[in-house]
């Protein structure tokens, strides 16, 4: 099978690429910076280095929030015919903290109390009524960037003066004291394949590794794993990192990352997360491909009027591909329905190059 990894070529992407090559026959490394989407025709046209992008069995697309519109457009064009672990609209939801919070709210996933504000006046009213400290966040941003910590109303007001110049909506979120730590779960499919705790560097509130945080092994309980998997599902991602806080009320989700790094979690846990991603992509792509073949074959049988409902003695001709399993030919299920063979009966098989005849003995 043939796969493509669409990314910005980070070290984590290269790790994933190497893992995918262990399972797929061909894996193309596609830099999203060299991709274009052409609109205006009967359908979306996706170009890579100026040429139409070829057909793949699997496309795993990932990148920063700056490329979210491009990633959504590309995956929309191929979503119905190609297996992809991330839904097109997930690139919009997953790269926007506000939309992520709304998705979590809709599916009742626990999270800290959060306020959405679009003006400084509204923000100051909220900041005058809540407890401190608080977290201020911009909707877009990764690796802890765009996240600010305010210990008092005065500190928050100073931040608002700077935020006002950007003319962007932002979030005010309840601060949960965890001694500068959070936990990250790496979800692949319906499982948490690895998890670890991140602790912020001295004088820093953000636990992100890129902000100087340190990681340590952390074993999640079943409930926390369920929250992580539920979070990934509610934003439409089969591969996703979920960041949570350990609170007195239980785990609370603070962020979901649809383009997570692999170095930190791999180094800390010693789990080959990239390999788990590669294997999962192959298995799901194979399942998607086989399902597509069955659908096409069933439609073809219907068009031909073949369904095993005609006269038992009428010979019916079927045109299809052979399915080989360990060098053995597996016939379509409809053949069993038409012939009504029983596994307890003996049969005579006549075979020569290009021809097989199977008859009751």
Protein backbone atom coordinates (compact mmCIF):
# COMPACT_ATOMS: atom_id res chain seq x y z
CA UNK A 1 0.00 0.00 0.00
CA UNK A 2 1.01 3.60 -0.61
CA UNK A 3 1.02 6.37 2.00
CA UNK A 4 1.99 10.01 2.32
CA UNK A 5 3.10 12.03 5.32
CA UNK A 6 2.27 15.71 4.88
CA UNK A 7 4.15 17.84 7.36
CA UNK A 8 6.67 20.61 7.87
CA UNK A 9 9.56 18.16 8.11
CA UNK A 10 10.17 18.42 11.86
CA UNK A 11 12.19 15.83 13.76
CA UNK A 12 8.96 14.27 15.04
CA UNK A 13 7.69 14.04 11.46
CA UNK A 14 10.90 12.32 10.37
CA UNK A 15 10.47 9.81 13.19
CA UNK A 16 6.91 9.12 12.01
CA UNK A 17 8.04 8.87 8.39
CA UNK A 18 10.66 6.23 9.26
CA UNK A 19 8.06 4.24 11.21
CA UNK A 20 5.53 4.36 8.37
CA UNK A 21 8.14 3.02 5.95
CA UNK A 22 8.35 -0.18 8.02
CA UNK A 23 4.72 -0.97 7.22
CA UNK A 24 3.75 0.61 3.91
CA UNK A 25 5.27 -0.39 0.58
CA UNK A 26 5.77 3.26 -0.43
CA UNK A 27 5.74 6.37 1.77
CA UNK A 28 6.15 9.83 0.26
CA UNK A 29 7.47 12.71 2.34
CA UNK A 30 5.42 15.78 1.33
CA UNK A 31 6.28 19.25 2.60
CA UNK A 32 3.07 21.23 3.06
CA UNK A 33 4.94 24.44 2.26
CA UNK A 34 5.12 23.27 -1.36
CA UNK A 35 1.42 22.45 -1.67
CA UNK A 36 -1.33 24.46 -3.34
CA UNK A 37 -5.10 24.21 -3.45
CA UNK A 38 -6.86 25.35 -6.61
CA UNK A 39 -10.55 26.23 -6.36
CA UNK A 40 -13.07 27.08 -9.05
CA UNK A 41 -13.47 23.84 -11.01
CA UNK A 42 -15.91 21.00 -10.46
CA UNK A 43 -13.77 19.78 -7.55
CA UNK A 44 -10.80 20.82 -5.42
CA UNK A 45 -7.48 20.47 -7.22
CA UNK A 46 -4.46 19.72 -5.01
CA UNK A 47 -1.01 20.49 -6.41
CA UNK A 48 2.42 19.54 -5.07
CA UNK A 49 5.38 21.29 -6.65
CA UNK A 50 2.94 22.47 -9.30
CA UNK A 51 1.72 18.97 -10.26
CA UNK A 52 -1.54 17.19 -9.31
CA UNK A 53 -1.14 15.12 -6.15
CA UNK A 54 -1.41 11.40 -6.81
CA UNK A 55 -3.73 8.88 -5.16
CA UNK A 56 -2.74 7.35 -1.81
CA UNK A 57 -4.18 4.65 0.42
CA UNK A 58 -3.30 6.70 3.50
CA UNK A 59 -2.54 10.37 4.10
CA UNK A 60 -1.36 11.54 7.51
CA UNK A 61 -1.38 15.35 7.49
CA UNK A 62 -0.03 17.48 10.33
CA UNK A 63 1.36 20.96 10.85
CA UNK A 64 1.13 24.14 12.92
CA UNK A 65 -1.95 26.36 13.26
CA UNK A 66 -0.62 28.63 10.49
CA UNK A 67 -1.33 25.87 7.98
CA UNK A 68 -4.74 24.86 9.35
CA UNK A 69 -6.75 26.27 6.38
CA UNK A 70 -4.42 24.55 3.89
CA UNK A 71 -4.52 21.22 5.75
CA UNK A 72 -8.30 21.35 5.95
CA UNK A 73 -8.57 22.03 2.20
CA UNK A 74 -6.18 19.21 1.26
CA UNK A 75 -7.83 16.61 3.47
CA UNK A 76 -11.30 17.65 2.32
CA UNK A 77 -10.31 16.86 -1.27
CA UNK A 78 -9.19 13.29 -0.43
CA UNK A 79 -11.24 12.36 2.64
CA UNK A 80 -13.88 10.17 0.95
CA UNK A 81 -11.41 8.02 -1.00
CA UNK A 82 -8.35 7.90 1.26
CA UNK A 83 -7.86 6.85 4.86
CA UNK A 84 -6.90 9.80 7.07
CA UNK A 85 -6.64 9.72 10.88
CA UNK A 86 -7.68 13.35 11.25
CA UNK A 87 -10.95 14.72 9.90
CA UNK A 88 -10.77 17.87 7.74
CA UNK A 89 -12.64 20.12 10.19
CA UNK A 90 -10.38 18.91 13.01
CA UNK A 91 -7.58 21.10 11.67
CA UNK A 92 -9.80 24.11 12.33
CA UNK A 93 -11.04 22.89 15.73
CA UNK A 94 -7.78 21.43 17.03
CA UNK A 95 -5.72 24.52 16.18
CA UNK A 96 -8.11 26.91 17.89
CA UNK A 97 -8.31 26.76 21.69
CA UNK A 98 -11.75 28.40 21.69
CA UNK A 99 -13.25 25.87 19.27
CA UNK A 100 -11.57 23.06 21.22
CA UNK A 101 -13.13 24.30 24.46
CA UNK A 102 -16.53 24.47 22.76
CA UNK A 103 -16.17 20.86 21.55
CA UNK A 104 -15.18 19.74 25.06
CA UNK A 105 -18.17 21.58 26.50
CA UNK A 106 -20.55 19.98 23.99
CA UNK A 107 -19.39 16.46 24.86
CA UNK A 108 -19.18 17.15 28.61
CA UNK A 109 -15.44 16.61 28.85
CA UNK A 110 -14.18 18.11 32.17
CA UNK A 111 -12.13 21.30 31.86
CA UNK A 112 -11.30 24.40 33.93
CA UNK A 113 -13.83 27.26 33.92
CA UNK A 114 -13.13 29.42 30.87
CA UNK A 115 -14.41 32.80 29.66
CA UNK A 116 -14.29 34.01 26.06
CA UNK A 117 -13.90 37.77 25.61
CA UNK A 118 -13.55 39.99 22.56
CA UNK A 119 -13.11 43.40 24.18
CA UNK A 120 -10.99 44.88 26.94
CA UNK A 121 -14.06 46.32 28.66
CA UNK A 122 -15.71 42.90 28.90
CA UNK A 123 -12.45 41.35 30.10
CA UNK A 124 -12.02 43.90 32.92
CA UNK A 125 -15.55 43.20 34.19
CA UNK A 126 -14.77 39.48 34.36
CA UNK A 127 -11.34 40.03 35.90
CA UNK A 128 -12.94 42.15 38.62
CA UNK A 129 -15.19 39.32 39.75
CA UNK A 130 -13.02 36.18 39.61
CA UNK A 131 -10.40 34.68 41.89
CA UNK A 132 -6.67 34.94 41.16
CA UNK A 133 -4.35 33.83 39.73
CA UNK A 134 -5.77 33.40 36.19
CA UNK A 135 -4.54 32.29 32.79
CA UNK A 136 -4.94 34.42 29.66
CA UNK A 137 -4.71 32.64 26.30
CA UNK A 138 -4.86 33.48 22.63
CA UNK A 139 -6.96 31.01 20.58
CA UNK A 140 -3.99 30.14 18.37
CA UNK A 141 -0.53 29.12 19.50
CA UNK A 142 1.51 26.03 20.27
CA UNK A 143 4.26 24.89 22.65
CA UNK A 144 2.94 27.16 25.41
CA UNK A 145 3.20 30.34 23.29
CA UNK A 146 0.33 32.78 23.70
CA UNK A 147 -0.32 31.68 27.30
CA UNK A 148 0.05 34.29 30.10
CA UNK A 149 -0.18 34.02 33.88
CA UNK A 150 -1.61 36.84 36.00
CA UNK A 151 -1.34 36.75 39.80
CA UNK A 152 -3.53 39.81 40.40
CA UNK A 153 -6.00 42.22 38.81
CA UNK A 154 -3.18 44.73 38.32
CA UNK A 155 -1.01 42.18 36.50
CA UNK A 156 -3.94 41.09 34.32
CA UNK A 157 -4.78 44.72 33.48
CA UNK A 158 -1.21 45.33 32.32
CA UNK A 159 -1.45 42.31 30.05
CA UNK A 160 -4.76 43.60 28.66
CA UNK A 161 -3.05 46.82 27.54
CA UNK A 162 -0.68 44.76 25.41
CA UNK A 163 -3.43 42.41 24.20
CA UNK A 164 -5.59 45.36 23.11
CA UNK A 165 -3.12 46.31 20.37
CA UNK A 166 -3.59 42.90 18.71
CA UNK A 167 -7.39 43.28 18.35
CA UNK A 168 -7.89 39.52 18.82
CA UNK A 169 -10.40 37.65 21.01
CA UNK A 170 -8.82 35.76 23.90
CA UNK A 171 -9.64 33.38 26.72
CA UNK A 172 -9.56 33.89 30.47
CA UNK A 173 -9.22 30.58 32.27
CA UNK A 174 -9.34 29.51 35.89
CA UNK A 175 -5.88 28.72 37.23
CA UNK A 176 -5.63 25.33 38.89
CA UNK A 177 -2.70 24.92 41.27
CA UNK A 178 -0.72 21.82 40.33
CA UNK A 179 2.74 23.08 41.33
CA UNK A 180 3.50 23.84 37.69
CA UNK A 181 2.80 20.35 36.36
CA UNK A 182 0.42 18.76 33.91
CA UNK A 183 0.02 15.32 32.35
CA UNK A 184 0.09 14.47 28.66
CA UNK A 185 -1.63 11.46 27.13
CA UNK A 186 -0.77 10.36 23.62
CA UNK A 187 -3.85 8.87 21.98
CA UNK A 188 -3.65 6.56 18.96
CA UNK A 189 -7.04 5.20 17.91
CA UNK A 190 -9.04 4.31 21.00
CA UNK A 191 -6.03 3.82 23.28
CA UNK A 192 -3.55 5.90 25.25
CA UNK A 193 -0.26 4.46 23.98
CA UNK A 194 2.02 6.58 26.20
CA UNK A 195 1.73 9.18 28.95
CA UNK A 196 3.99 11.30 31.10
CA UNK A 197 3.98 14.17 33.57
CA UNK A 198 5.55 17.51 32.71
CA UNK A 199 6.90 19.85 35.38
CA UNK A 200 7.59 23.52 34.72
CA UNK A 201 11.08 24.95 35.08
CA UNK A 202 11.82 27.21 38.06
CA UNK A 203 9.95 30.49 37.79
CA UNK A 204 7.80 29.20 34.92
CA UNK A 205 4.11 28.26 35.01
CA UNK A 206 4.00 26.48 31.64
CA UNK A 207 4.94 22.83 31.84
CA UNK A 208 5.65 22.51 28.10
CA UNK A 209 8.97 20.85 27.26
CA UNK A 210 9.63 23.65 24.74
CA UNK A 211 9.26 26.15 27.61
CA UNK A 212 11.93 24.35 29.65
CA UNK A 213 9.68 21.84 31.40
CA UNK A 214 10.94 18.43 32.48
CA UNK A 215 9.18 15.12 31.92
CA UNK A 216 8.83 12.06 34.13
CA UNK A 217 7.06 8.72 33.76
CA UNK A 218 3.40 8.80 34.73
CA UNK A 219 0.95 5.87 34.68
CA UNK A 220 -2.64 6.95 34.06
CA UNK A 221 -5.64 5.27 35.63
CA UNK A 222 -8.48 3.97 33.46
CA UNK A 223 -10.70 7.02 34.01
CA UNK A 224 -7.99 9.51 32.99
CA UNK A 225 -7.28 7.45 29.88
CA UNK A 226 -10.97 7.53 29.03
CA UNK A 227 -11.03 11.33 29.32
CA UNK A 228 -8.06 11.54 26.95
CA UNK A 229 -9.64 9.22 24.36
CA UNK A 230 -12.99 11.04 24.65
CA UNK A 231 -11.21 14.34 24.02
CA UNK A 232 -9.55 13.04 20.86
CA UNK A 233 -12.88 11.67 19.60
CA UNK A 234 -14.81 14.86 20.28
CA UNK A 235 -12.48 16.92 18.07
CA UNK A 236 -12.28 14.21 15.37
CA UNK A 237 -8.67 13.07 15.76
CA UNK A 238 -7.46 9.45 15.89
CA UNK A 239 -3.91 10.63 16.64
CA UNK A 240 -3.71 13.35 19.24
CA UNK A 241 -1.93 14.51 22.40
CA UNK A 242 -4.18 15.58 25.28
CA UNK A 243 -2.91 17.78 28.11
CA UNK A 244 -4.67 17.57 31.47
CA UNK A 245 -4.41 18.88 35.00
CA UNK A 246 -4.75 16.71 38.10
CA UNK A 247 -7.35 18.46 40.25
CA UNK A 248 -9.35 17.66 43.36
CA UNK A 249 -12.33 17.05 41.06
CA UNK A 250 -10.35 14.69 38.83
CA UNK A 251 -8.55 15.23 35.52
CA UNK A 252 -9.43 18.40 33.58
CA UNK A 253 -8.44 18.93 29.95
CA UNK A 254 -6.62 22.15 29.11
CA UNK A 255 -5.56 21.44 25.52
CA UNK A 256 -5.62 18.97 22.63
CA UNK A 257 -2.76 18.92 20.12
CA UNK A 258 -3.36 17.40 16.66
CA UNK A 259 0.29 17.87 15.67
CA UNK A 260 2.17 16.78 18.80
CA UNK A 261 5.91 16.34 19.16
CA UNK A 262 7.34 12.89 19.78
CA UNK A 263 10.81 13.51 21.16
CA UNK A 264 9.83 14.37 24.73
CA UNK A 265 7.35 11.57 25.34
CA UNK A 266 9.56 9.00 23.59
CA UNK A 267 12.62 9.98 25.59
CA UNK A 268 10.80 9.92 28.92
CA UNK A 269 8.66 6.81 28.49
CA UNK A 270 11.05 4.81 26.26
CA UNK A 271 7.97 3.87 24.21
CA UNK A 272 8.35 4.00 20.42
CA UNK A 273 5.28 6.16 19.83
CA UNK A 274 6.20 6.69 16.17
CA UNK A 275 6.10 2.94 15.56
CA UNK A 276 2.67 2.70 17.17
CA UNK A 277 1.48 5.47 14.85
CA UNK A 278 2.96 3.78 11.77
CA UNK A 279 1.43 0.40 12.60
CA UNK A 280 -1.97 1.94 13.37
CA UNK A 281 -2.01 3.90 10.11
CA UNK A 282 -1.21 0.76 8.12
CA UNK A 283 -3.90 -1.34 9.80
CA UNK A 284 -6.57 1.33 9.40
CA UNK A 285 -5.59 2.07 5.80
CA UNK A 286 -5.79 -1.65 4.97
CA UNK A 287 -9.20 -1.87 6.63
CA UNK A 288 -10.37 1.24 4.74
CA UNK A 289 -9.11 -0.15 1.42
CA UNK A 290 -10.77 -3.56 1.91
CA UNK A 291 -14.03 -1.91 2.89
CA UNK A 292 -13.88 0.18 -0.27
CA UNK A 293 -13.28 -2.89 -2.44
CA UNK A 294 -16.24 -4.69 -0.87
CA UNK A 295 -18.47 -1.67 -1.47
CA UNK A 296 -17.39 -1.40 -5.11
CA UNK A 297 -17.82 -5.14 -5.67
CA UNK A 298 -21.27 -5.17 -4.08
CA UNK A 299 -22.34 -2.27 -6.27
CA UNK A 300 -20.99 -4.03 -9.34
CA UNK A 301 -22.88 -7.23 -8.41
CA UNK A 302 -26.08 -5.20 -8.00
CA UNK A 303 -25.57 -3.56 -11.38
CA UNK A 304 -25.07 -6.99 -12.93
CA UNK A 305 -28.18 -8.33 -11.21
CA UNK A 306 -26.11 -10.75 -9.16
CA UNK A 307 -27.33 -11.34 -5.63
CA UNK A 308 -27.92 -15.02 -5.18
CA UNK A 309 -31.68 -14.59 -5.52
CA UNK A 310 -32.18 -15.99 -9.04
CA UNK A 311 -32.81 -19.59 -10.01
CA UNK A 312 -30.43 -21.97 -8.30
CA UNK A 313 -29.53 -23.62 -11.60
CA UNK A 314 -28.76 -20.39 -13.46
CA UNK A 315 -25.05 -19.84 -14.04
CA UNK A 316 -23.95 -16.33 -13.13
CA UNK A 317 -20.79 -14.61 -14.27
CA UNK A 318 -18.90 -12.34 -11.91
CA UNK A 319 -15.97 -10.09 -12.78
CA UNK A 320 -13.79 -9.19 -9.82
CA UNK A 321 -10.21 -9.25 -8.50
CA UNK A 322 -8.84 -12.22 -6.59
CA UNK A 323 -8.07 -11.76 -2.90
CA UNK A 324 -4.89 -13.64 -1.92
CA UNK A 325 -4.26 -14.50 1.74
CA UNK A 326 -0.90 -16.16 2.44
CA UNK A 327 -0.74 -17.26 -1.23
CA UNK A 328 -4.24 -18.78 -0.98
CA UNK A 329 -7.19 -17.56 -3.02
CA UNK A 330 -10.13 -16.27 -0.96
CA UNK A 331 -13.37 -16.13 -2.95
CA UNK A 332 -15.97 -13.39 -2.35
CA UNK A 333 -18.80 -14.21 0.08
CA UNK A 334 -21.34 -13.90 -2.70
CA UNK A 335 -19.83 -17.01 -4.33
CA UNK A 336 -20.80 -19.01 -1.24
CA UNK A 337 -24.32 -17.63 -1.45
CA UNK A 338 -24.69 -18.52 -5.15
CA UNK A 339 -23.12 -22.01 -5.06
CA UNK A 340 -24.58 -22.95 -1.65
CA UNK A 341 -21.57 -25.16 -0.95
CA UNK A 342 -21.41 -26.70 2.50
CA UNK A 343 -18.06 -27.14 4.26
CA UNK A 344 -19.08 -30.72 5.16
CA UNK A 345 -19.46 -31.70 1.50
CA UNK A 346 -16.64 -33.01 -0.66
CA UNK A 347 -15.83 -31.12 -3.86
CA UNK A 348 -13.79 -31.74 -6.99
CA UNK A 349 -11.41 -28.96 -7.95
CA UNK A 350 -10.10 -28.84 -11.51
CA UNK A 351 -7.38 -26.33 -12.15
CA UNK A 352 -5.01 -25.27 -14.86
CA UNK A 353 -3.27 -22.02 -15.66
CA UNK A 354 -5.88 -19.26 -15.75
CA UNK A 355 -8.86 -21.47 -14.87
CA UNK A 356 -10.49 -23.07 -11.81
CA UNK A 357 -13.62 -25.26 -11.70
CA UNK A 358 -15.11 -26.34 -8.35
CA UNK A 359 -17.97 -28.89 -8.38
CA UNK A 360 -19.79 -31.01 -5.83
CA UNK A 361 -18.40 -34.54 -5.67
